[in-house]
């Protein structure tokens, strides 16, 4: 250890003493997060409003903090919430346990669960930090219909998985009925090719 080493350490301290401090005016001014920031979860929907979650519980199994609770239920022709055989009847995420690692979104086979850039999750109530399915579901878009309702984008799950979201066309129930909904994926959207290529 040299004689000047202690003074070098103090030199770093003294050099920062004269720098202007960085003050962020939060919450009045919120800095944008990185594009791939892991924030609050979101349960996504198909373009017609049906839920992408099929209640498989893989996200709950993958969670290292045991923060996710899922109860699946069967769809019926009279009450359909997703294009699959099942849907997530109960979906809860306990943000007192969640470590925002993102393993749940990696495990999801239908891309139903993603993470948003919302990081304001603090609360003074423990019960309010257990988010329910209603809080996690993505809001309905202008061309979406709230479930339960029949499948408007095809006759099977495969039609939904192969559906091209970049294709323009009416996605709501009335518009799809007018263009031949319920006759397979080919008749759902005007201008769609007879054999759409699978999404890779």
Protein backbone atom coordinates (compact mmCIF):
# COMPACT_ATOMS: atom_id res chain seq x y z
CA UNK A 1 0.00 0.00 0.00
CA UNK A 2 1.45 3.30 -1.09
CA UNK A 3 1.61 6.48 0.91
CA UNK A 4 -0.74 8.34 -1.46
CA UNK A 5 -3.41 5.64 -1.65
CA UNK A 6 -5.58 7.03 1.19
CA UNK A 7 -5.50 10.47 -0.42
CA UNK A 8 -6.58 9.00 -3.75
CA UNK A 9 -9.70 7.64 -2.07
CA UNK A 10 -10.45 11.03 -0.54
CA UNK A 11 -9.87 12.57 -3.96
CA UNK A 12 -12.87 10.69 -5.33
CA UNK A 13 -14.99 11.94 -2.43
CA UNK A 14 -13.89 15.54 -2.81
CA UNK A 15 -14.42 15.51 -6.59
CA UNK A 16 -18.07 14.54 -6.15
CA UNK A 17 -18.69 17.20 -3.49
CA UNK A 18 -18.67 19.95 -6.09
CA UNK A 19 -20.87 18.22 -8.66
CA UNK A 20 -24.49 19.25 -9.00
CA UNK A 21 -26.77 16.58 -7.45
CA UNK A 22 -29.18 14.72 -9.71
CA UNK A 23 -32.76 15.25 -8.58
CA UNK A 24 -35.63 13.46 -10.28
CA UNK A 25 -39.03 15.14 -9.92
CA UNK A 26 -40.94 11.92 -9.31
CA UNK A 27 -43.92 11.42 -9.46
CA UNK A 28 -44.56 14.68 -11.34
CA UNK A 29 -41.98 13.76 -14.00
CA UNK A 30 -41.66 10.06 -14.80
CA UNK A 31 -38.64 8.84 -16.75
CA UNK A 32 -39.43 6.27 -19.46
CA UNK A 33 -38.29 2.74 -18.73
CA UNK A 34 -36.30 0.49 -21.01
CA UNK A 35 -38.38 -1.26 -23.71
CA UNK A 36 -37.86 -4.70 -22.14
CA UNK A 37 -38.41 -3.56 -18.56
CA UNK A 38 -40.15 -6.17 -16.39
CA UNK A 39 -43.12 -4.47 -14.73
CA UNK A 40 -46.69 -5.38 -13.89
CA UNK A 41 -48.10 -8.46 -15.63
CA UNK A 42 -50.89 -8.41 -18.20
CA UNK A 43 -53.22 -11.13 -19.47
CA UNK A 44 -53.66 -10.60 -23.20
CA UNK A 45 -56.65 -11.11 -25.47
CA UNK A 46 -57.23 -12.25 -29.03
CA UNK A 47 -58.38 -9.60 -31.55
CA UNK A 48 -62.03 -10.53 -31.01
CA UNK A 49 -61.79 -10.17 -27.22
CA UNK A 50 -61.43 -13.81 -26.17
CA UNK A 51 -58.75 -14.49 -23.57
CA UNK A 52 -55.46 -16.10 -24.57
CA UNK A 53 -55.06 -17.82 -21.20
CA UNK A 54 -56.12 -21.47 -21.34
CA UNK A 55 -55.69 -22.17 -17.61
CA UNK A 56 -52.77 -24.59 -18.06
CA UNK A 57 -51.04 -23.37 -14.84
CA UNK A 58 -47.56 -23.58 -16.39
CA UNK A 59 -46.84 -20.03 -15.23
CA UNK A 60 -47.63 -21.03 -11.65
CA UNK A 61 -45.34 -24.06 -11.90
CA UNK A 62 -42.51 -21.95 -13.32
CA UNK A 63 -42.74 -19.22 -10.67
CA UNK A 64 -39.79 -19.58 -8.24
CA UNK A 65 -41.53 -17.44 -5.61
CA UNK A 66 -44.89 -19.30 -5.74
CA UNK A 67 -46.60 -15.97 -6.42
CA UNK A 68 -49.13 -17.12 -9.07
CA UNK A 69 -52.37 -18.97 -8.41
CA UNK A 70 -54.47 -20.32 -11.31
CA UNK A 71 -57.71 -22.28 -11.41
CA UNK A 72 -58.79 -23.53 -14.82
CA UNK A 73 -62.33 -24.27 -15.96
CA UNK A 74 -63.93 -25.75 -19.08
CA UNK A 75 -65.39 -23.63 -21.86
CA UNK A 76 -68.86 -24.46 -23.15
CA UNK A 77 -70.66 -23.45 -26.33
CA UNK A 78 -72.98 -21.28 -24.23
CA UNK A 79 -70.17 -19.69 -22.18
CA UNK A 80 -66.83 -19.36 -23.96
CA UNK A 81 -63.96 -17.23 -22.63
CA UNK A 82 -61.06 -18.56 -24.73
CA UNK A 83 -60.72 -20.45 -28.03
CA UNK A 84 -59.34 -23.52 -26.24
CA UNK A 85 -61.08 -26.21 -24.23
CA UNK A 86 -60.26 -24.45 -20.96
CA UNK A 87 -59.74 -20.94 -19.64
CA UNK A 88 -58.34 -19.39 -16.48
CA UNK A 89 -61.37 -18.98 -14.22
CA UNK A 90 -59.26 -17.68 -11.31
CA UNK A 91 -55.94 -15.92 -11.87
CA UNK A 92 -54.04 -14.15 -9.11
CA UNK A 93 -50.54 -12.75 -8.77
CA UNK A 94 -49.24 -11.93 -5.29
CA UNK A 95 -46.91 -8.94 -5.71
CA UNK A 96 -45.77 -9.33 -2.11
CA UNK A 97 -43.93 -12.42 -3.35
CA UNK A 98 -43.32 -11.70 -7.03
CA UNK A 99 -39.69 -10.96 -7.88
CA UNK A 100 -40.50 -9.82 -11.45
CA UNK A 101 -38.08 -12.35 -12.94
CA UNK A 102 -40.15 -13.06 -16.06
CA UNK A 103 -39.97 -16.87 -15.88
CA UNK A 104 -43.77 -17.04 -15.99
CA UNK A 105 -43.94 -15.30 -19.37
CA UNK A 106 -41.29 -17.66 -20.73
CA UNK A 107 -43.39 -20.66 -19.63
CA UNK A 108 -46.67 -19.43 -21.15
CA UNK A 109 -47.41 -21.50 -24.30
CA UNK A 110 -50.06 -19.14 -25.71
CA UNK A 111 -48.30 -15.80 -25.07
CA UNK A 112 -51.21 -14.93 -22.79
CA UNK A 113 -49.02 -13.51 -20.03
CA UNK A 114 -46.64 -10.63 -20.71
CA UNK A 115 -45.07 -7.90 -18.61
CA UNK A 116 -45.77 -4.21 -19.04
CA UNK A 117 -43.65 -1.16 -18.23
CA UNK A 118 -45.82 -0.24 -15.25
CA UNK A 119 -43.63 -0.20 -12.13
CA UNK A 120 -45.87 1.68 -9.66
CA UNK A 121 -46.91 -1.25 -7.49
CA UNK A 122 -46.45 0.17 -3.99
CA UNK A 123 -49.42 0.11 -1.63
CA UNK A 124 -50.17 0.41 2.07
CA UNK A 125 -52.47 -2.62 2.09
CA UNK A 126 -51.22 -6.19 1.75
CA UNK A 127 -54.52 -7.43 0.33
CA UNK A 128 -54.46 -4.81 -2.43
CA UNK A 129 -51.15 -6.22 -3.69
CA UNK A 130 -52.79 -9.52 -4.65
CA UNK A 131 -53.92 -8.73 -8.19
CA UNK A 132 -56.95 -10.60 -9.53
CA UNK A 133 -57.78 -11.64 -13.07
CA UNK A 134 -59.96 -8.55 -13.57
CA UNK A 135 -57.02 -6.31 -12.71
CA UNK A 136 -54.56 -8.20 -14.91
CA UNK A 137 -56.70 -8.55 -18.04
CA UNK A 138 -55.84 -6.24 -20.92
CA UNK A 139 -58.54 -3.64 -21.59
CA UNK A 140 -60.93 -4.28 -24.45
CA UNK A 141 -59.99 -2.61 -27.72
CA UNK A 142 -62.40 -0.75 -29.94
CA UNK A 143 -63.03 -3.82 -32.13
CA UNK A 144 -63.19 -6.37 -29.28
CA UNK A 145 -66.25 -7.93 -27.67
CA UNK A 146 -66.25 -8.81 -23.98
CA UNK A 147 -66.40 -12.58 -23.38
CA UNK A 148 -68.20 -14.89 -23.05
CA UNK A 149 -69.06 -15.13 -26.74
CA UNK A 150 -68.52 -17.59 -29.62
CA UNK A 151 -65.27 -17.77 -31.58
CA UNK A 152 -65.28 -15.09 -34.28
CA UNK A 153 -61.84 -15.69 -35.80
CA UNK A 154 -62.25 -19.34 -36.72
CA UNK A 155 -63.65 -22.72 -35.75
CA UNK A 156 -60.68 -24.02 -33.75
CA UNK A 157 -57.67 -23.00 -31.65
CA UNK A 158 -55.44 -23.48 -34.70
CA UNK A 159 -57.30 -20.74 -36.55
CA UNK A 160 -56.54 -18.36 -33.68
CA UNK A 161 -52.87 -19.31 -33.48
CA UNK A 162 -52.44 -18.85 -37.24
CA UNK A 163 -54.39 -15.61 -37.37
CA UNK A 164 -52.37 -12.68 -38.70
CA UNK A 165 -52.85 -9.68 -36.35
CA UNK A 166 -51.31 -7.30 -38.92
CA UNK A 167 -54.08 -7.93 -41.41
CA UNK A 168 -56.61 -5.12 -41.53
CA UNK A 169 -60.26 -5.94 -41.18
CA UNK A 170 -63.21 -5.91 -38.82
CA UNK A 171 -62.68 -7.92 -35.65
CA UNK A 172 -65.91 -7.18 -33.77
CA UNK A 173 -68.81 -9.63 -33.67
CA UNK A 174 -71.13 -7.74 -36.01
CA UNK A 175 -68.47 -7.11 -38.63
CA UNK A 176 -67.19 -10.67 -38.59
CA UNK A 177 -70.70 -12.05 -38.84
CA UNK A 178 -71.24 -9.96 -41.93
CA UNK A 179 -68.04 -11.29 -43.53
CA UNK A 180 -68.77 -14.96 -42.84
CA UNK A 181 -67.55 -15.66 -39.32
CA UNK A 182 -67.86 -19.24 -38.14
CA UNK A 183 -66.95 -20.72 -41.55
CA UNK A 184 -63.26 -21.18 -40.83
CA UNK A 185 -60.29 -18.86 -40.79
CA UNK A 186 -60.49 -18.22 -44.53
CA UNK A 187 -63.80 -16.36 -44.35
CA UNK A 188 -63.13 -14.23 -41.30
CA UNK A 189 -61.35 -11.24 -42.76
CA UNK A 190 -61.73 -9.80 -46.24
CA UNK A 191 -58.61 -10.22 -48.33
CA UNK A 192 -57.25 -13.12 -46.31
CA UNK A 193 -55.51 -15.84 -48.29
CA UNK A 194 -57.22 -19.22 -48.49
CA UNK A 195 -54.27 -20.91 -46.73
CA UNK A 196 -52.56 -18.54 -44.31
CA UNK A 197 -48.99 -19.36 -43.43
CA UNK A 198 -48.36 -20.34 -39.80
CA UNK A 199 -46.84 -17.68 -37.56
CA UNK A 200 -43.25 -18.62 -36.76
